[in-house]
PDB file of all heavy atoms in Angstrom:
ATOM      1  N   SER A   1     120.048 102.115 165.149  1.00  0.00           N
ATOM      2  CA  SER A   1     119.285 101.465 166.125  1.00  0.00           C
ATOM      3  C   SER A   1     120.044 100.262 166.682  1.00  0.00           C
ATOM      4  O   SER A   1     120.972  99.682 166.046  1.00  0.00           O
ATOM      5  CB  SER A   1     117.949 100.940 165.539  1.00  0.00           C
ATOM      6  OG  SER A   1     118.219  99.952 164.603  1.00  0.00           O
ATOM      7  N   THR A   2     119.645  99.806 167.812  1.00  0.00           N
ATOM      8  CA  THR A   2     120.227  98.563 168.498  1.00  0.00           C
ATOM      9  C   THR A   2     119.846  97.415 167.535  1.00  0.00           C
ATOM     10  O   THR A   2     120.701  96.518 167.342  1.00  0.00           O
ATOM     11  CB  THR A   2     119.704  98.356 169.903  1.00  0.00           C
ATOM     12  OG1 THR A   2     119.971  99.551 170.620  1.00  0.00           O
ATOM     13  CG2 THR A   2     120.195  97.148 170.515  1.00  0.00           C
ATOM     14  N   ARG A   3     118.701  97.409 166.990  1.00  0.00           N
ATOM     15  CA  ARG A   3     118.281  96.338 166.143  1.00  0.00           C
ATOM     16  C   ARG A   3     119.212  96.158 164.956  1.00  0.00           C
ATOM     17  O   ARG A   3     119.627  95.063 164.519  1.00  0.00           O
ATOM     18  CB  ARG A   3     116.851  96.528 165.624  1.00  0.00           C
ATOM     19  CG  ARG A   3     116.360  95.432 164.670  1.00  0.00           C
ATOM     20  CD  ARG A   3     114.981  95.697 164.155  1.00  0.00           C
ATOM     21  NE  ARG A   3     114.658  94.879 163.039  1.00  0.00           N
ATOM     22  CZ  ARG A   3     114.731  95.219 161.778  1.00  0.00           C
ATOM     23  NH1 ARG A   3     115.069  96.407 161.495  1.00  0.00           N
ATOM     24  NH2 ARG A   3     114.494  94.341 160.849  1.00  0.00           N
ATOM     25  N   ALA A   4     119.639  97.329 164.358  1.00  0.00           N
ATOM     26  CA  ALA A   4     120.514  97.309 163.257  1.00  0.00           C
ATOM     27  C   ALA A   4     121.859  96.646 163.570  1.00  0.00           C
ATOM     28  O   ALA A   4     122.433  95.864 162.778  1.00  0.00           O
ATOM     29  CB  ALA A   4     120.797  98.767 162.780  1.00  0.00           C
ATOM     30  N   VAL A   5     122.314  96.907 164.875  1.00  0.00           N
ATOM     31  CA  VAL A   5     123.616  96.243 165.247  1.00  0.00           C
ATOM     32  C   VAL A   5     123.379  94.782 165.484  1.00  0.00           C
ATOM     33  O   VAL A   5     124.168  93.960 165.037  1.00  0.00           O
ATOM     34  CB  VAL A   5     124.032  96.951 166.525  1.00  0.00           C
ATOM     35  CG1 VAL A   5     125.264  96.236 167.070  1.00  0.00           C
ATOM     36  CG2 VAL A   5     124.445  98.407 166.211  1.00  0.00           C
ATOM     37  N   VAL A   6     122.323  94.451 166.249  1.00  0.00           N
ATOM     38  CA  VAL A   6     122.117  93.019 166.596  1.00  0.00           C
ATOM     39  C   VAL A   6     121.830  92.163 165.326  1.00  0.00           C
ATOM     40  O   VAL A   6     122.437  91.083 165.181  1.00  0.00           O
ATOM     41  CB  VAL A   6     120.934  92.917 167.566  1.00  0.00           C
ATOM     42  CG1 VAL A   6     120.508  91.446 167.764  1.00  0.00           C
ATOM     43  CG2 VAL A   6     121.214  93.551 168.892  1.00  0.00           C
ATOM     44  N   GLU A   7     121.114  92.692 164.391  1.00  0.00           N
ATOM     45  CA  GLU A   7     120.746  91.886 163.188  1.00  0.00           C
ATOM     46  C   GLU A   7     121.616  92.261 161.940  1.00  0.00           C
ATOM     47  O   GLU A   7     121.350  91.654 160.878  1.00  0.00           O
ATOM     48  CB  GLU A   7     119.192  92.079 162.928  1.00  0.00           C
ATOM     49  CG  GLU A   7     118.339  91.631 164.010  1.00  0.00           C
ATOM     50  CD  GLU A   7     116.905  91.957 163.762  1.00  0.00           C
ATOM     51  OE1 GLU A   7     116.488  92.272 162.637  1.00  0.00           O
ATOM     52  OE2 GLU A   7     116.077  91.791 164.707  1.00  0.00           O
ATOM     53  N   ASP A   8     122.539  93.227 162.109  1.00  0.00           N
ATOM     54  CA  ASP A   8     123.387  93.638 160.930  1.00  0.00           C
ATOM     55  C   ASP A   8     122.464  94.174 159.757  1.00  0.00           C
ATOM     56  O   ASP A   8     122.623  93.669 158.629  1.00  0.00           O
ATOM     57  CB  ASP A   8     124.301  92.530 160.542  1.00  0.00           C
ATOM     58  CG  ASP A   8     125.416  93.077 159.620  1.00  0.00           C
ATOM     59  OD1 ASP A   8     125.566  94.354 159.542  1.00  0.00           O
ATOM     60  OD2 ASP A   8     126.153  92.325 158.992  1.00  0.00           O
ATOM     61  N   VAL A   9     121.572  94.988 160.121  1.00  0.00           N
ATOM     62  CA  VAL A   9     120.586  95.507 159.154  1.00  0.00           C
ATOM     63  C   VAL A   9     120.873  97.012 158.913  1.00  0.00           C
ATOM     64  O   VAL A   9     120.645  97.831 159.781  1.00  0.00           O
ATOM     65  CB  VAL A   9     119.193  95.381 159.621  1.00  0.00           C
ATOM     66  CG1 VAL A   9     118.131  96.015 158.679  1.00  0.00           C
ATOM     67  CG2 VAL A   9     118.837  93.914 159.918  1.00  0.00           C
ATOM     68  N   PRO A  10     121.341  97.333 157.714  1.00  0.00           N
ATOM     69  CA  PRO A  10     121.634  98.759 157.407  1.00  0.00           C
ATOM     70  C   PRO A  10     120.375  99.611 157.210  1.00  0.00           C
ATOM     71  O   PRO A  10     119.321  99.009 156.876  1.00  0.00           O
ATOM     72  CB  PRO A  10     122.531  98.691 156.166  1.00  0.00           C
ATOM     73  CG  PRO A  10     122.049  97.450 155.462  1.00  0.00           C
ATOM     74  CD  PRO A  10     121.662  96.499 156.562  1.00  0.00           C
ATOM     75  N   PRO A  11     120.526 100.835 157.319  1.00  0.00           N
ATOM     76  CA  PRO A  11     119.297 101.693 156.931  1.00  0.00           C
ATOM     77  C   PRO A  11     119.113 101.654 155.456  1.00  0.00           C
ATOM     78  O   PRO A  11     119.905 101.122 154.664  1.00  0.00           O
ATOM     79  CB  PRO A  11     119.787 103.141 157.390  1.00  0.00           C
ATOM     80  CG  PRO A  11     121.258 103.078 157.419  1.00  0.00           C
ATOM     81  CD  PRO A  11     121.620 101.708 157.724  1.00  0.00           C
ATOM     82  N   SER A  12     118.027 102.205 155.014  1.00  0.00           N
ATOM     83  CA  SER A  12     117.703 102.172 153.552  1.00  0.00           C
ATOM     84  C   SER A  12     118.773 102.890 152.780  1.00  0.00           C
ATOM     85  O   SER A  12     119.445 103.804 153.290  1.00  0.00           O
ATOM     86  CB  SER A  12     116.339 102.852 153.330  1.00  0.00           C
ATOM     87  OG  SER A  12     116.389 104.254 153.506  1.00  0.00           O
ATOM     88  N   ARG A  13     118.904 102.586 151.455  1.00  0.00           N
ATOM     89  CA  ARG A  13     119.845 103.290 150.622  1.00  0.00           C
ATOM     90  C   ARG A  13     119.518 104.802 150.558  1.00  0.00           C
ATOM     91  O   ARG A  13     120.409 105.560 150.420  1.00  0.00           O
ATOM     92  CB  ARG A  13     119.732 102.657 149.181  1.00  0.00           C
ATOM     93  CG  ARG A  13     120.420 101.388 149.022  1.00  0.00           C
ATOM     94  CD  ARG A  13     121.896 101.461 149.121  1.00  0.00           C
ATOM     95  NE  ARG A  13     122.544 102.174 147.971  1.00  0.00           N
ATOM     96  CZ  ARG A  13     123.719 102.727 147.979  1.00  0.00           C
ATOM     97  NH1 ARG A  13     124.421 102.762 149.096  1.00  0.00           N
ATOM     98  NH2 ARG A  13     124.172 103.316 146.937  1.00  0.00           N
ATOM     99  N   LEU A  14     118.266 105.167 150.721  1.00  0.00           N
ATOM    100  CA  LEU A  14     117.895 106.569 150.728  1.00  0.00           C
ATOM    101  C   LEU A  14     118.607 107.312 151.888  1.00  0.00           C
ATOM    102  O   LEU A  14     119.086 108.436 151.744  1.00  0.00           O
ATOM    103  CB  LEU A  14     116.341 106.761 150.865  1.00  0.00           C
ATOM    104  CG  LEU A  14     115.868 108.132 150.877  1.00  0.00           C
ATOM    105  CD1 LEU A  14     116.199 108.870 149.556  1.00  0.00           C
ATOM    106  CD2 LEU A  14     114.333 108.162 151.052  1.00  0.00           C
ATOM    107  N   ALA A  15     118.700 106.553 153.002  1.00  0.00           N
ATOM    108  CA  ALA A  15     119.389 107.181 154.199  1.00  0.00           C
ATOM    109  C   ALA A  15     120.926 107.325 153.876  1.00  0.00           C
ATOM    110  O   ALA A  15     121.643 108.092 154.577  1.00  0.00           O
ATOM    111  CB  ALA A  15     119.209 106.342 155.401  1.00  0.00           C
ATOM    112  N   GLY A  16     121.404 106.657 152.908  1.00  0.00           N
ATOM    113  CA  GLY A  16     122.770 106.666 152.543  1.00  0.00           C
ATOM    114  C   GLY A  16     123.260 108.109 152.217  1.00  0.00           C
ATOM    115  O   GLY A  16     124.404 108.414 152.378  1.00  0.00           O
ATOM    116  N   ALA A  17     122.328 108.929 151.872  1.00  0.00           N
ATOM    117  CA  ALA A  17     122.665 110.344 151.546  1.00  0.00           C
ATOM    118  C   ALA A  17     123.179 111.128 152.784  1.00  0.00           C
ATOM    119  O   ALA A  17     123.929 112.067 152.646  1.00  0.00           O
ATOM    120  CB  ALA A  17     121.465 111.082 150.974  1.00  0.00           C
ATOM    121  N   ALA A  18     122.839 110.594 153.992  1.00  0.00           N
ATOM    122  CA  ALA A  18     123.306 111.160 155.219  1.00  0.00           C
ATOM    123  C   ALA A  18     124.688 110.773 155.646  1.00  0.00           C
ATOM    124  O   ALA A  18     125.168 111.160 156.730  1.00  0.00           O
ATOM    125  CB  ALA A  18     122.245 110.864 156.296  1.00  0.00           C
ATOM    126  N   PHE A  19     125.314 109.899 154.887  1.00  0.00           N
ATOM    127  CA  PHE A  19     126.656 109.303 155.253  1.00  0.00           C
ATOM    128  C   PHE A  19     127.690 109.835 154.288  1.00  0.00           C
ATOM    129  O   PHE A  19     127.426 110.044 153.122  1.00  0.00           O
ATOM    130  CB  PHE A  19     126.573 107.747 155.074  1.00  0.00           C
ATOM    131  CG  PHE A  19     125.741 107.093 156.122  1.00  0.00           C
ATOM    132  CD1 PHE A  19     124.352 107.035 156.027  1.00  0.00           C
ATOM    133  CD2 PHE A  19     126.368 106.638 157.315  1.00  0.00           C
ATOM    134  CE1 PHE A  19     123.650 106.403 157.003  1.00  0.00           C
ATOM    135  CE2 PHE A  19     125.615 105.982 158.250  1.00  0.00           C
ATOM    136  CZ  PHE A  19     124.228 105.910 158.143  1.00  0.00           C
ATOM    137  N   ASP A  20     128.878 110.034 154.886  1.00  0.00           N
ATOM    138  CA  ASP A  20     130.030 110.514 154.086  1.00  0.00           C
ATOM    139  C   ASP A  20     130.518 109.418 153.210  1.00  0.00           C
ATOM    140  O   ASP A  20     130.890 109.644 152.037  1.00  0.00           O
ATOM    141  CB  ASP A  20     131.123 110.994 155.051  1.00  0.00           C
ATOM    142  CG  ASP A  20     132.434 111.318 154.379  1.00  0.00           C
ATOM    143  OD1 ASP A  20     132.340 112.308 153.552  1.00  0.00           O
ATOM    144  OD2 ASP A  20     133.353 110.636 154.574  1.00  0.00           O
ATOM    145  N   ASP A  21     130.601 108.136 153.693  1.00  0.00           N
ATOM    146  CA  ASP A  21     131.103 107.057 153.012  1.00  0.00           C
ATOM    147  C   ASP A  21     130.191 105.827 153.247  1.00  0.00           C
ATOM    148  O   ASP A  21     130.421 105.153 154.248  1.00  0.00           O
ATOM    149  CB  ASP A  21     132.530 106.802 153.350  1.00  0.00           C
ATOM    150  CG  ASP A  21     133.196 105.683 152.660  1.00  0.00           C
ATOM    151  OD1 ASP A  21     132.529 104.795 152.045  1.00  0.00           O
ATOM    152  OD2 ASP A  21     134.460 105.693 152.545  1.00  0.00           O
ATOM    153  N   TRP A  22     129.319 105.549 152.325  1.00  0.00           N
ATOM    154  CA  TRP A  22     128.353 104.472 152.555  1.00  0.00           C
ATOM    155  C   TRP A  22     128.973 103.112 152.725  1.00  0.00           C
ATOM    156  O   TRP A  22     128.635 102.375 153.582  1.00  0.00           O
ATOM    157  CB  TRP A  22     127.336 104.499 151.374  1.00  0.00           C
ATOM    158  CG  TRP A  22     126.297 103.396 151.462  1.00  0.00           C
ATOM    159  CD1 TRP A  22     126.151 102.304 150.655  1.00  0.00           C
ATOM    160  CD2 TRP A  22     125.222 103.365 152.388  1.00  0.00           C
ATOM    161  NE1 TRP A  22     125.082 101.582 151.045  1.00  0.00           N
ATOM    162  CE2 TRP A  22     124.448 102.218 152.070  1.00  0.00           C
ATOM    163  CE3 TRP A  22     124.776 104.192 153.420  1.00  0.00           C
ATOM    164  CZ2 TRP A  22     123.302 101.814 152.745  1.00  0.00           C
ATOM    165  CZ3 TRP A  22     123.619 103.841 154.138  1.00  0.00           C
ATOM    166  CH2 TRP A  22     122.937 102.691 153.776  1.00  0.00           C
ATOM    167  N   THR A  23     129.995 102.880 151.870  1.00  0.00           N
ATOM    168  CA  THR A  23     130.720 101.537 151.937  1.00  0.00           C
ATOM    169  C   THR A  23     131.357 101.422 153.322  1.00  0.00           C
ATOM    170  O   THR A  23     131.323 100.324 153.927  1.00  0.00           O
ATOM    171  CB  THR A  23     131.727 101.454 150.831  1.00  0.00           C
ATOM    172  OG1 THR A  23     131.072 101.544 149.597  1.00  0.00           O
ATOM    173  CG2 THR A  23     132.426 100.083 150.869  1.00  0.00           C
ATOM    174  N   ALA A  24     132.064 102.454 153.797  1.00  0.00           N
ATOM    175  CA  ALA A  24     132.644 102.372 155.141  1.00  0.00           C
ATOM    176  C   ALA A  24     131.598 102.221 156.252  1.00  0.00           C
ATOM    177  O   ALA A  24     131.848 101.508 157.217  1.00  0.00           O
ATOM    178  CB  ALA A  24     133.541 103.622 155.411  1.00  0.00           C
ATOM    179  N   ALA A  25     130.475 102.916 156.061  1.00  0.00           N
ATOM    180  CA  ALA A  25     129.450 102.843 157.107  1.00  0.00           C
ATOM    181  C   ALA A  25     128.913 101.362 157.199  1.00  0.00           C
ATOM    182  O   ALA A  25     128.705 100.856 158.253  1.00  0.00           O
ATOM    183  CB  ALA A  25     128.271 103.755 156.737  1.00  0.00           C
ATOM    184  N   LEU A  26     128.772 100.740 156.078  1.00  0.00           N
ATOM    185  CA  LEU A  26     128.304  99.370 156.026  1.00  0.00           C
ATOM    186  C   LEU A  26     129.318  98.402 156.714  1.00  0.00           C
ATOM    187  O   LEU A  26     128.973  97.538 157.479  1.00  0.00           O
ATOM    188  CB  LEU A  26     127.982  98.814 154.675  1.00  0.00           C
ATOM    189  CG  LEU A  26     126.836  99.493 153.932  1.00  0.00           C
ATOM    190  CD1 LEU A  26     126.667  99.011 152.512  1.00  0.00           C
ATOM    191  CD2 LEU A  26     125.529  99.421 154.780  1.00  0.00           C
ATOM    192  N   GLY A  27     130.635  98.688 156.456  1.00  0.00           N
ATOM    193  CA  GLY A  27     131.693  97.946 157.176  1.00  0.00           C
ATOM    194  C   GLY A  27     131.682  98.163 158.638  1.00  0.00           C
ATOM    195  O   GLY A  27     131.878  97.216 159.335  1.00  0.00           O
ATOM    196  N   THR A  28     131.502  99.390 159.015  1.00  0.00           N
ATOM    197  CA  THR A  28     131.433  99.734 160.475  1.00  0.00           C
ATOM    198  C   THR A  28     130.259  98.993 161.108  1.00  0.00           C
ATOM    199  O   THR A  28     130.362  98.411 162.214  1.00  0.00           O
ATOM    200  CB  THR A  28     131.319 101.171 160.714  1.00  0.00           C
ATOM    201  OG1 THR A  28     132.568 101.752 160.275  1.00  0.00           O
ATOM    202  CG2 THR A  28     131.094 101.558 162.166  1.00  0.00           C
ATOM    203  N   LEU A  29     129.041  99.041 160.489  1.00  0.00           N
ATOM    204  CA  LEU A  29     127.876  98.331 161.007  1.00  0.00           C
ATOM    205  C   LEU A  29     128.186  96.835 161.130  1.00  0.00           C
ATOM    206  O   LEU A  29     127.830  96.213 162.131  1.00  0.00           O
ATOM    207  CB  LEU A  29     126.702  98.595 160.110  1.00  0.00           C
ATOM    208  CG  LEU A  29     125.394  97.901 160.608  1.00  0.00           C
ATOM    209  CD1 LEU A  29     125.018  98.366 162.014  1.00  0.00           C
ATOM    210  CD2 LEU A  29     124.289  98.159 159.637  1.00  0.00           C
ATOM    211  N   GLY A  30     128.842  96.241 160.145  1.00  0.00           N
ATOM    212  CA  GLY A  30     129.130  94.792 160.211  1.00  0.00           C
ATOM    213  C   GLY A  30     130.147  94.565 161.330  1.00  0.00           C
ATOM    214  O   GLY A  30     129.922  93.530 162.095  1.00  0.00           O
ATOM    215  N   ASP A  31     131.081  95.451 161.594  1.00  0.00           N
ATOM    216  CA  ASP A  31     132.034  95.258 162.715  1.00  0.00           C
ATOM    217  C   ASP A  31     131.292  95.420 164.058  1.00  0.00           C
ATOM    218  O   ASP A  31     131.497  94.685 165.029  1.00  0.00           O
ATOM    219  CB  ASP A  31     133.132  96.329 162.582  1.00  0.00           C
ATOM    220  CG  ASP A  31     134.268  95.778 161.794  1.00  0.00           C
ATOM    221  OD1 ASP A  31     134.463  94.476 161.701  1.00  0.00           O
ATOM    222  OD2 ASP A  31     135.058  96.590 161.335  1.00  0.00           O
TER     223      ASP A  31
END
């Protein structure tokens, strides 16, 4: 979501199952 980018809010940990690399995804969201 745009809100996630603006506020640097990741999806829930449950959604982490949809990611190949959760740590990299959090880094990308921060960037």
